[in-house]
Structures are given as C-alpha cells and as structure tokens.
PDB file of N, CA and C in Angstrom:
ATOM      1  N   MET A   1      -8.239   7.977  -9.000  1.00  0.00           N
ATOM      2  CA  MET A   1      -7.509   7.779  -7.823  1.00  0.00           C
ATOM      3  C   MET A   1      -7.725   8.689  -6.515  1.00  0.00           C
ATOM      4  N   TYR A   2      -7.619   7.816  -5.418  1.00  0.00           N
ATOM      5  CA  TYR A   2      -7.801   8.760  -4.391  1.00  0.00           C
ATOM      6  C   TYR A   2      -6.794   7.899  -3.214  1.00  0.00           C
ATOM      7  N   THR A   3      -6.764   8.664  -2.192  1.00  0.00           N
ATOM      8  CA  THR A   3      -5.695   8.514  -1.060  1.00  0.00           C
ATOM      9  C   THR A   3      -6.715   7.784   0.035  1.00  0.00           C
ATOM     10  N   CYS A   4      -6.173   6.673   0.766  1.00  0.00           N
ATOM     11  CA  CYS A   4      -6.813   6.043   1.891  1.00  0.00           C
ATOM     12  C   CYS A   4      -6.047   6.569   3.113  1.00  0.00           C
ATOM     13  N   GLN A   5      -6.460   7.406   4.038  1.00  0.00           N
ATOM     14  CA  GLN A   5      -5.980   7.923   5.105  1.00  0.00           C
ATOM     15  C   GLN A   5      -6.327   7.367   6.564  1.00  0.00           C
ATOM     16  N   GLY A   6      -5.430   6.915   7.455  1.00  0.00           N
ATOM     17  CA  GLY A   6      -5.782   6.253   8.549  1.00  0.00           C
ATOM     18  C   GLY A   6      -4.547   5.867   9.365  1.00  0.00           C
ATOM     19  N   HIS A   7      -3.688   5.221   8.688  1.00  0.00           N
ATOM     20  CA  HIS A   7      -2.609   4.693   9.429  1.00  0.00           C
ATOM     21  C   HIS A   7      -1.677   5.782   9.763  1.00  0.00           C
ATOM     22  N   LYS A   8      -0.875   5.421  10.842  1.00  0.00           N
ATOM     23  CA  LYS A   8       0.018   6.486  11.474  1.00  0.00           C
ATOM     24  C   LYS A   8       1.446   6.553  10.954  1.00  0.00           C
ATOM     25  N   LYS A   9       1.842   5.308  10.349  1.00  0.00           N
ATOM     26  CA  LYS A   9       3.112   4.707   9.944  1.00  0.00           C
ATOM     27  C   LYS A   9       2.830   4.146   8.651  1.00  0.00           C
ATOM     28  N   TRP A  10       4.034   3.719   7.853  1.00  0.00           N
ATOM     29  CA  TRP A  10       4.041   3.104   6.648  1.00  0.00           C
ATOM     30  C   TRP A  10       3.337   1.677   6.545  1.00  0.00           C
ATOM     31  N   ILE A  11       2.853   1.539   5.170  1.00  0.00           N
ATOM     32  CA  ILE A  11       1.843   0.301   5.099  1.00  0.00           C
ATOM     33  C   ILE A  11       2.901  -0.907   4.816  1.00  0.00           C
ATOM     34  N   THR A  12       2.707  -1.928   5.379  1.00  0.00           N
ATOM     35  CA  THR A  12       3.599  -3.310   4.999  1.00  0.00           C
ATOM     36  C   THR A  12       2.964  -4.206   4.374  1.00  0.00           C
ATOM     37  N   GLY A  13       1.650  -4.265   3.974  1.00  0.00           N
ATOM     38  CA  GLY A  13       0.870  -5.117   3.136  1.00  0.00           C
ATOM     39  C   GLY A  13      -0.362  -4.766   2.873  1.00  0.00           C
ATOM     40  N   ILE A  14      -0.806  -5.217   1.643  1.00  0.00           N
ATOM     41  CA  ILE A  14      -2.380  -5.112   1.294  1.00  0.00           C
ATOM     42  C   ILE A  14      -2.826  -6.507   0.721  1.00  0.00           C
ATOM     43  N   SER A  15      -4.051  -6.732   0.878  1.00  0.00           N
ATOM     44  CA  SER A  15      -4.588  -8.008   0.575  1.00  0.00           C
ATOM     45  C   SER A  15      -6.083  -7.503   0.024  1.00  0.00           C
ATOM     46  N   TRP A  16      -6.585  -8.023  -1.161  1.00  0.00           N
ATOM     47  CA  TRP A  16      -7.903  -7.816  -1.301  1.00  0.00           C
ATOM     48  C   TRP A  16      -8.750  -8.976  -1.090  1.00  0.00           C
ATOM     49  N   GLU A  17     -10.035  -8.607  -0.600  1.00  0.00           N
ATOM     50  CA  GLU A  17     -11.068  -9.484  -0.388  1.00  0.00           C
ATOM     51  C   GLU A  17     -11.236 -10.728  -1.452  1.00  0.00           C
ATOM     52  N   PRO A  18     -11.264 -11.958  -1.240  1.00  0.00           N
ATOM     53  CA  PRO A  18     -11.322 -12.864  -2.299  1.00  0.00           C
ATOM     54  C   PRO A  18     -12.671 -12.676  -3.252  1.00  0.00           C
ATOM     55  N   VAL A  19     -12.715 -12.776  -4.354  1.00  0.00           N
ATOM     56  CA  VAL A  19     -13.818 -12.415  -5.291  1.00  0.00           C
ATOM     57  C   VAL A  19     -15.008 -13.255  -4.850  1.00  0.00           C
ATOM     58  N   HIS A  20     -14.665 -14.571  -4.599  1.00  0.00           N
ATOM     59  CA  HIS A  20     -15.763 -15.634  -4.347  1.00  0.00           C
ATOM     60  C   HIS A  20     -16.470 -15.102  -3.136  1.00  0.00           C
ATOM     61  N   LEU A  21     -16.111 -14.387  -2.127  1.00  0.00           N
ATOM     62  CA  LEU A  21     -16.901 -13.897  -1.069  1.00  0.00           C
ATOM     63  C   LEU A  21     -17.585 -12.906  -1.232  1.00  0.00           C
ATOM     64  N   ARG A  22     -17.465 -11.941  -2.073  1.00  0.00           N
ATOM     65  CA  ARG A  22     -18.409 -10.652  -2.298  1.00  0.00           C
ATOM     66  C   ARG A  22     -17.859 -10.326  -3.780  1.00  0.00           C
ATOM     67  N   ALA A  23     -18.642 -10.519  -4.877  1.00  0.00           N
ATOM     68  CA  ALA A  23     -18.418 -10.032  -6.273  1.00  0.00           C
ATOM     69  C   ALA A  23     -19.304  -8.890  -6.623  1.00  0.00           C
ATOM     70  N   PRO A  24     -18.831  -7.729  -6.880  1.00  0.00           N
ATOM     71  CA  PRO A  24     -17.486  -7.368  -7.266  1.00  0.00           C
ATOM     72  C   PRO A  24     -16.915  -7.078  -6.154  1.00  0.00           C
ATOM     73  N   CYS A  25     -15.511  -7.313  -6.369  1.00  0.00           N
ATOM     74  CA  CYS A  25     -14.537  -7.276  -5.092  1.00  0.00           C
ATOM     75  C   CYS A  25     -14.489  -5.643  -4.730  1.00  0.00           C
ATOM     76  N   ARG A  26     -14.848  -5.215  -3.651  1.00  0.00           N
ATOM     77  CA  ARG A  26     -14.619  -3.718  -3.392  1.00  0.00           C
ATOM     78  C   ARG A  26     -13.971  -3.261  -1.917  1.00  0.00           C
ATOM     79  N   ARG A  27     -13.558  -4.506  -1.322  1.00  0.00           N
ATOM     80  CA  ARG A  27     -12.735  -4.132  -0.052  1.00  0.00           C
ATOM     81  C   ARG A  27     -11.209  -4.634  -0.043  1.00  0.00           C
ATOM     82  N   PHE A  28     -10.615  -4.062   0.525  1.00  0.00           N
ATOM     83  CA  PHE A  28      -9.078  -4.669   0.792  1.00  0.00           C
ATOM     84  C   PHE A  28      -8.650  -4.496   2.258  1.00  0.00           C
ATOM     85  N   ALA A  29      -7.625  -5.155   2.646  1.00  0.00           N
ATOM     86  CA  ALA A  29      -7.204  -4.904   4.026  1.00  0.00           C
ATOM     87  C   ALA A  29      -5.737  -4.516   3.909  1.00  0.00           C
ATOM     88  N   SER A  30      -5.217  -3.515   4.746  1.00  0.00           N
ATOM     89  CA  SER A  30      -4.012  -2.958   4.732  1.00  0.00           C
ATOM     90  C   SER A  30      -3.204  -3.191   6.241  1.00  0.00           C
ATOM     91  N   SER A  31      -2.055  -3.625   6.352  1.00  0.00           N
ATOM     92  CA  SER A  31      -1.367  -3.804   7.444  1.00  0.00           C
ATOM     93  C   SER A  31      -0.211  -2.792   7.396  1.00  0.00           C
ATOM     94  N   SER A  32       0.200  -2.166   8.871  1.00  0.00           N
ATOM     95  CA  SER A  32       1.147  -0.969   8.833  1.00  0.00           C
ATOM     96  C   SER A  32       2.008  -1.387  10.236  1.00  0.00           C
ATOM     97  N   LYS A  33       3.065  -0.348   9.995  1.00  0.00           N
ATOM     98  CA  LYS A  33       4.185  -0.566  11.063  1.00  0.00           C
ATOM     99  C   LYS A  33       3.409   0.308  12.349  1.00  0.00           C
ATOM    100  N   ASP A  34       2.304   0.822  12.359  1.00  0.00           N
ATOM    101  CA  ASP A  34       1.534   1.669  13.495  1.00  0.00           C
ATOM    102  C   ASP A  34       0.942   0.357  14.314  1.00  0.00           C
ATOM    103  N   GLY A  35       1.112  -0.697  14.006  1.00  0.00           N
ATOM    104  CA  GLY A  35       0.335  -1.819  14.801  1.00  0.00           C
ATOM    105  C   GLY A  35      -1.107  -2.234  14.602  1.00  0.00           C
ATOM    106  N   ASP A  36      -1.758  -1.429  13.455  1.00  0.00           N
ATOM    107  CA  ASP A  36      -3.034  -1.648  12.886  1.00  0.00           C
ATOM    108  C   ASP A  36      -3.150  -2.522  11.647  1.00  0.00           C
ATOM    109  N   ALA A  37      -4.347  -2.932  11.427  1.00  0.00           N
ATOM    110  CA  ALA A  37      -4.507  -3.586  10.205  1.00  0.00           C
ATOM    111  C   ALA A  37      -5.926  -3.133  10.087  1.00  0.00           C
ATOM    112  N   ARG A  38      -6.310  -2.777   8.857  1.00  0.00           N
ATOM    113  CA  ARG A  38      -7.490  -2.018   8.505  1.00  0.00           C
ATOM    114  C   ARG A  38      -8.247  -2.522   7.092  1.00  0.00           C
ATOM    115  N   ILE A  39      -9.515  -2.545   7.246  1.00  0.00           N
ATOM    116  CA  ILE A  39     -10.422  -2.948   6.087  1.00  0.00           C
ATOM    117  C   ILE A  39     -11.061  -1.659   5.420  1.00  0.00           C
ATOM    118  N   TRP A  40     -10.845  -1.445   4.165  1.00  0.00           N
ATOM    119  CA  TRP A  40     -11.085  -0.381   3.461  1.00  0.00           C
ATOM    120  C   TRP A  40     -12.142  -0.646   2.452  1.00  0.00           C
ATOM    121  N   ASP A  41     -13.153   0.292   2.085  1.00  0.00           N
ATOM    122  CA  ASP A  41     -14.122  -0.073   1.214  1.00  0.00           C
ATOM    123  C   ASP A  41     -13.896   0.911   0.147  1.00  0.00           C
ATOM    124  N   VAL A  42     -13.744   0.585  -0.928  1.00  0.00           N
ATOM    125  CA  VAL A  42     -13.291   1.458  -2.087  1.00  0.00           C
ATOM    126  C   VAL A  42     -14.460   2.282  -2.548  1.00  0.00           C
ATOM    127  N   SER A  43     -15.511   1.700  -2.540  1.00  0.00           N
ATOM    128  CA  SER A  43     -16.734   2.462  -2.976  1.00  0.00           C
ATOM    129  C   SER A  43     -17.230   3.698  -1.987  1.00  0.00           C
ATOM    130  N   LEU A  44     -16.877   3.501  -1.041  1.00  0.00           N
ATOM    131  CA  LEU A  44     -17.181   4.314   0.248  1.00  0.00           C
ATOM    132  C   LEU A  44     -15.852   5.240   0.486  1.00  0.00           C
ATOM    133  N   ARG A  45     -14.830   4.930  -0.120  1.00  0.00           N
ATOM    134  CA  ARG A  45     -13.589   5.475  -0.215  1.00  0.00           C
ATOM    135  C   ARG A  45     -13.274   5.860   1.466  1.00  0.00           C
ATOM    136  N   LYS A  46     -13.411   4.760   2.275  1.00  0.00           N
ATOM    137  CA  LYS A  46     -13.050   5.015   3.834  1.00  0.00           C
ATOM    138  C   LYS A  46     -12.699   3.640   4.294  1.00  0.00           C
ATOM    139  N   CYS A  47     -12.084   3.773   5.543  1.00  0.00           N
ATOM    140  CA  CYS A  47     -11.904   2.534   6.500  1.00  0.00           C
ATOM    141  C   CYS A  47     -13.067   2.190   7.100  1.00  0.00           C
ATOM    142  N   VAL A  48     -13.571   0.834   7.037  1.00  0.00           N
ATOM    143  CA  VAL A  48     -14.642   0.574   7.540  1.00  0.00           C
ATOM    144  C   VAL A  48     -14.522  -0.424   8.778  1.00  0.00           C
ATOM    145  N   ILE A  49     -13.161  -0.931   9.108  1.00  0.00           N
ATOM    146  CA  ILE A  49     -12.724  -1.535  10.406  1.00  0.00           C
ATOM    147  C   ILE A  49     -11.381  -1.622  10.717  1.00  0.00           C
ATOM    148  N   CYS A  50     -11.079  -1.316  11.847  1.00  0.00           N
ATOM    149  CA  CYS A  50      -9.693  -1.239  12.234  1.00  0.00           C
ATOM    150  C   CYS A  50      -9.483  -2.248  13.390  1.00  0.00           C
ATOM    151  N   PHE A  51      -8.378  -3.035  13.162  1.00  0.00           N
ATOM    152  CA  PHE A  51      -7.993  -4.229  13.844  1.00  0.00           C
ATOM    153  C   PHE A  51      -6.938  -3.657  14.793  1.00  0.00           C
ATOM    154  N   SER A  52      -6.722  -3.606  16.006  1.00  0.00           N
ATOM    155  CA  SER A  52      -5.787  -2.800  16.605  1.00  0.00           C
ATOM    156  C   SER A  52      -5.175  -3.509  18.163  1.00  0.00           C
ATOM    157  N   ARG A  53      -5.135  -4.845  18.155  1.00  0.00           N
ATOM    158  CA  ARG A  53      -4.707  -5.531  19.213  1.00  0.00           C
ATOM    159  C   ARG A  53      -3.460  -5.995  19.144  1.00  0.00           C
ATOM    160  N   HIS A  54      -2.735  -5.792  18.095  1.00  0.00           N
ATOM    161  CA  HIS A  54      -0.975  -6.104  18.211  1.00  0.00           C
ATOM    162  C   HIS A  54      -0.598  -5.120  19.056  1.00  0.00           C
ATOM    163  N   THR A  55       0.575  -5.430  19.506  1.00  0.00           N
ATOM    164  CA  THR A  55       1.339  -4.250  20.519  1.00  0.00           C
ATOM    165  C   THR A  55       2.357  -3.801  19.721  1.00  0.00           C
ATOM    166  N   LEU A  56       2.865  -4.373  18.680  1.00  0.00           N
ATOM    167  CA  LEU A  56       4.014  -3.903  17.801  1.00  0.00           C
ATOM    168  C   LEU A  56       3.668  -3.935  16.199  1.00  0.00           C
ATOM    169  N   ALA A  57       4.299  -3.579  15.437  1.00  0.00           N
ATOM    170  CA  ALA A  57       4.030  -3.495  13.974  1.00  0.00           C
ATOM    171  C   ALA A  57       3.625  -4.723  13.286  1.00  0.00           C
ATOM    172  N   VAL A  58       2.552  -4.364  12.415  1.00  0.00           N
ATOM    173  CA  VAL A  58       1.697  -5.808  11.726  1.00  0.00           C
ATOM    174  C   VAL A  58       2.623  -5.810  10.560  1.00  0.00           C
ATOM    175  N   THR A  59       3.479  -6.753  10.336  1.00  0.00           N
ATOM    176  CA  THR A  59       4.294  -6.910   9.231  1.00  0.00           C
ATOM    177  C   THR A  59       3.721  -7.601   7.874  1.00  0.00           C
ATOM    178  N   CYS A  60       2.499  -8.178   8.186  1.00  0.00           N
ATOM    179  CA  CYS A  60       1.867  -9.114   6.967  1.00  0.00           C
ATOM    180  C   CYS A  60       0.636  -9.300   7.302  1.00  0.00           C
ATOM    181  N   LEU A  61      -0.265  -9.622   6.333  1.00  0.00           N
ATOM    182  CA  LEU A  61      -1.677  -9.932   6.587  1.00  0.00           C
ATOM    183  C   LEU A  61      -1.996 -10.708   5.133  1.00  0.00           C
ATOM    184  N   LYS A  62      -3.122 -11.539   5.398  1.00  0.00           N
ATOM    185  CA  LYS A  62      -3.720 -12.093   4.132  1.00  0.00           C
ATOM    186  C   LYS A  62      -5.250 -12.413   4.695  1.00  0.00           C
ATOM    187  N   TRP A  63      -6.085 -12.173   3.277  1.00  0.00           N
ATOM    188  CA  TRP A  63      -7.370 -12.272   3.568  1.00  0.00           C
ATOM    189  C   TRP A  63      -7.740 -13.926   3.288  1.00  0.00           C
ATOM    190  N   GLY A  64      -7.981 -14.591   4.156  1.00  0.00           N
ATOM    191  CA  GLY A  64      -8.328 -16.219   3.901  1.00  0.00           C
ATOM    192  C   GLY A  64      -9.624 -16.199   3.127  1.00  0.00           C
ATOM    193  N   GLY A  65      -9.683 -17.452   2.369  1.00  0.00           N
ATOM    194  CA  GLY A  65     -10.680 -17.827   1.451  1.00  0.00           C
ATOM    195  C   GLY A  65     -12.132 -18.033   2.214  1.00  0.00           C
ATOM    196  N   ASP A  66     -12.090 -18.249   3.657  1.00  0.00           N
ATOM    197  CA  ASP A  66     -12.999 -18.504   4.601  1.00  0.00           C
ATOM    198  C   ASP A  66     -13.829 -17.217   5.121  1.00  0.00           C
ATOM    199  N   GLY A  67     -13.291 -15.974   4.694  1.00  0.00           N
ATOM    200  CA  GLY A  67     -13.559 -14.781   5.107  1.00  0.00           C
ATOM    201  C   GLY A  67     -13.166 -14.274   6.435  1.00  0.00           C
ATOM    202  N   VAL A  68     -11.972 -14.603   6.719  1.00  0.00           N
ATOM    203  CA  VAL A  68     -11.131 -14.227   7.949  1.00  0.00           C
ATOM    204  C   VAL A  68      -9.950 -13.483   7.358  1.00  0.00           C
ATOM    205  N   ILE A  69      -9.374 -12.416   8.259  1.00  0.00           N
ATOM    206  CA  ILE A  69      -8.079 -12.110   7.947  1.00  0.00           C
ATOM    207  C   ILE A  69      -7.301 -12.570   8.897  1.00  0.00           C
ATOM    208  N   TYR A  70      -5.866 -12.989   8.612  1.00  0.00           N
ATOM    209  CA  TYR A  70      -4.508 -13.436   9.375  1.00  0.00           C
ATOM    210  C   TYR A  70      -3.671 -12.189   9.379  1.00  0.00           C
ATOM    211  N   THR A  71      -3.188 -11.846  10.384  1.00  0.00           N
ATOM    212  CA  THR A  71      -2.199 -10.707  10.665  1.00  0.00           C
ATOM    213  C   THR A  71      -1.058 -11.419  11.465  1.00  0.00           C
ATOM    214  N   GLY A  72       0.050 -10.972  10.946  1.00  0.00           N
ATOM    215  CA  GLY A  72       1.237 -11.515  11.778  1.00  0.00           C
ATOM    216  C   GLY A  72       2.105 -10.173  12.253  1.00  0.00           C
ATOM    217  N   SER A  73       2.732 -10.056  13.269  1.00  0.00           N
ATOM    218  CA  SER A  73       3.329  -8.939  14.062  1.00  0.00           C
ATOM    219  C   SER A  73       4.467  -9.168  14.584  1.00  0.00           C
ATOM    220  N   GLN A  74       5.170  -7.958  14.741  1.00  0.00           N
ATOM    221  CA  GLN A  74       6.361  -8.244  15.356  1.00  0.00           C
ATOM    222  C   GLN A  74       6.670  -8.458  16.955  1.00  0.00           C
ATOM    223  N   ASP A  75       5.298  -8.496  17.383  1.00  0.00           N
ATOM    224  CA  ASP A  75       4.884  -8.978  18.789  1.00  0.00           C
ATOM    225  C   ASP A  75       4.974 -10.414  18.921  1.00  0.00           C
ATOM    226  N   CYS A  76       5.343 -11.057  17.779  1.00  0.00           N
ATOM    227  CA  CYS A  76       5.397 -12.680  17.797  1.00  0.00           C
ATOM    228  C   CYS A  76       4.217 -13.474  17.805  1.00  0.00           C
ATOM    229  N   THR A  77       3.023 -12.617  17.345  1.00  0.00           N
ATOM    230  CA  THR A  77       1.624 -13.323  17.321  1.00  0.00           C
ATOM    231  C   THR A  77       1.100 -13.297  15.911  1.00  0.00           C
ATOM    232  N   ILE A  78       0.272 -14.052  15.690  1.00  0.00           N
ATOM    233  CA  ILE A  78      -0.736 -14.314  14.567  1.00  0.00           C
ATOM    234  C   ILE A  78      -2.225 -14.291  14.941  1.00  0.00           C
ATOM    235  N   LYS A  79      -2.699 -13.125  14.594  1.00  0.00           N
ATOM    236  CA  LYS A  79      -4.225 -13.012  15.135  1.00  0.00           C
ATOM    237  C   LYS A  79      -5.056 -13.385  14.049  1.00  0.00           C
ATOM    238  N   VAL A  80      -6.305 -14.010  14.117  1.00  0.00           N
ATOM    239  CA  VAL A  80      -7.396 -14.395  13.312  1.00  0.00           C
ATOM    240  C   VAL A  80      -8.452 -13.534  13.279  1.00  0.00           C
ATOM    241  N   TRP A  81      -8.787 -12.683  12.413  1.00  0.00           N
ATOM    242  CA  TRP A  81      -9.997 -11.858  12.822  1.00  0.00           C
ATOM    243  C   TRP A  81     -11.249 -12.021  11.715  1.00  0.00           C
ATOM    244  N   GLU A  82     -12.425 -11.918  12.494  1.00  0.00           N
ATOM    245  CA  GLU A  82     -13.683 -12.065  11.603  1.00  0.00           C
ATOM    246  C   GLU A  82     -13.893 -10.675  10.832  1.00  0.00           C
ATOM    247  N   THR A  83     -14.349 -10.647   9.649  1.00  0.00           N
ATOM    248  CA  THR A  83     -14.125  -9.397   8.781  1.00  0.00           C
ATOM    249  C   THR A  83     -15.472  -8.657   8.724  1.00  0.00           C
ATOM    250  N   SER A  84     -16.551  -9.016   9.422  1.00  0.00           N
ATOM    251  CA  SER A  84     -17.862  -8.360   9.271  1.00  0.00           C
ATOM    252  C   SER A  84     -17.998  -7.378  10.538  1.00  0.00           C
ATOM    253  N   GLN A  85     -17.432  -7.621  11.510  1.00  0.00           N
ATOM    254  CA  GLN A  85     -17.439  -6.618  12.674  1.00  0.00           C
ATOM    255  C   GLN A  85     -16.082  -6.297  13.140  1.00  0.00           C
ATOM    256  N   GLY A  86     -15.024  -7.145  12.896  1.00  0.00           N
ATOM    257  CA  GLY A  86     -13.667  -6.911  13.309  1.00  0.00           C
ATOM    258  C   GLY A  86     -13.221  -7.466  14.522  1.00  0.00           C
ATOM    259  N   LYS A  87     -14.104  -8.680  14.899  1.00  0.00           N
ATOM    260  CA  LYS A  87     -13.725  -9.589  16.144  1.00  0.00           C
ATOM    261  C   LYS A  87     -12.628 -10.513  15.963  1.00  0.00           C
ATOM    262  N   LEU A  88     -11.944 -10.258  17.163  1.00  0.00           N
ATOM    263  CA  LEU A  88     -10.579 -11.229  17.240  1.00  0.00           C
ATOM    264  C   LEU A  88     -11.274 -12.519  17.523  1.00  0.00           C
ATOM    265  N   ILE A  89     -10.803 -13.690  16.533  1.00  0.00           N
ATOM    266  CA  ILE A  89     -11.228 -14.878  16.731  1.00  0.00           C
ATOM    267  C   ILE A  89     -10.419 -15.803  17.429  1.00  0.00           C
ATOM    268  N   GLN A  90      -8.935 -15.614  17.240  1.00  0.00           N
ATOM    269  CA  GLN A  90      -7.933 -16.599  17.567  1.00  0.00           C
ATOM    270  C   GLN A  90      -6.642 -15.631  17.640  1.00  0.00           C
ATOM    271  N   GLU A  91      -5.917 -15.955  18.751  1.00  0.00           N
ATOM    272  CA  GLU A  91      -4.508 -15.504  18.670  1.00  0.00           C
ATOM    273  C   GLU A  91      -3.403 -16.821  18.936  1.00  0.00           C
ATOM    274  N   LEU A  92      -2.448 -16.741  18.027  1.00  0.00           N
ATOM    275  CA  LEU A  92      -1.526 -17.962  17.867  1.00  0.00           C
ATOM    276  C   LEU A  92      -0.176 -17.138  18.605  1.00  0.00           C
ATOM    277  N   LYS A  93       0.421 -17.771  19.506  1.00  0.00           N
ATOM    278  CA  LYS A  93       1.637 -17.152  19.940  1.00  0.00           C
ATOM    279  C   LYS A  93       2.716 -18.235  19.907  1.00  0.00           C
ATOM    280  N   GLY A  94       4.057 -17.779  20.044  1.00  0.00           N
ATOM    281  CA  GLY A  94       5.022 -18.550  19.904  1.00  0.00           C
ATOM    282  C   GLY A  94       6.211 -18.442  19.025  1.00  0.00           C
ATOM    283  N   HIS A  95       5.780 -17.361  17.998  1.00  0.00           N
ATOM    284  CA  HIS A  95       6.941 -17.348  16.988  1.00  0.00           C
ATOM    285  C   HIS A  95       7.936 -16.320  17.674  1.00  0.00           C
ATOM    286  N   GLY A  96       9.298 -16.943  17.201  1.00  0.00           N
ATOM    287  CA  GLY A  96      10.321 -16.172  17.731  1.00  0.00           C
ATOM    288  C   GLY A  96      10.708 -14.803  17.053  1.00  0.00           C
ATOM    289  N   HIS A  97      10.311 -14.465  15.917  1.00  0.00           N
ATOM    290  CA  HIS A  97      10.400 -13.375  15.341  1.00  0.00           C
ATOM    291  C   HIS A  97       9.848 -13.434  14.017  1.00  0.00           C
TER     292      HIS A  97
END
C-alpha cells in the first residue's frame, strides 16, 4: 500500500482506466475539492497528468470507454479531457448546480 500525494483538498471521486484501453489496468483518475483532476500511474506511484482548468471543486469524474475523462464541477461546467497529454477537448456549460 502507498499514498498518492498531490491534491490540496479532499478527494471527491476515483475512476479506473477501462481495461479494454490498456491491459493490465495501471492508471486511475481522481477528482478533488481543490478544483483539479489527476491521472495516477500505480506502477510509477505518481501523478502523470493534472487537469486544472476548473475554477471550483471537481465533484465527479468518469473515465470514458473512448479514452477520455469527463469532469463535472461546482463551476457549472463539464469538461472533456484527452488522457495521453491532458488537453482540454470540450467544455459544456449551462448546468445550474
């Protein structure tokens, strides 16, 4: 067992990379009240990508089957991220809360 350190506030969600994208599965994503989402590599035991474009807490995330990560935030946006380099693909606005 080991600790992944990097978030500045508590964790709001975790999602493992789907096994059909890369077997064996060795990466997972986390979201936090600090406004960031991160991809962690368990074999390297470190954060490999940090998504930091939300302005408020990231309250949920989901690793999509097509190799993207979706993050939802208290800033009323959903962001779609590419997972190899951490680029923002799309931002969806309009959620009330």
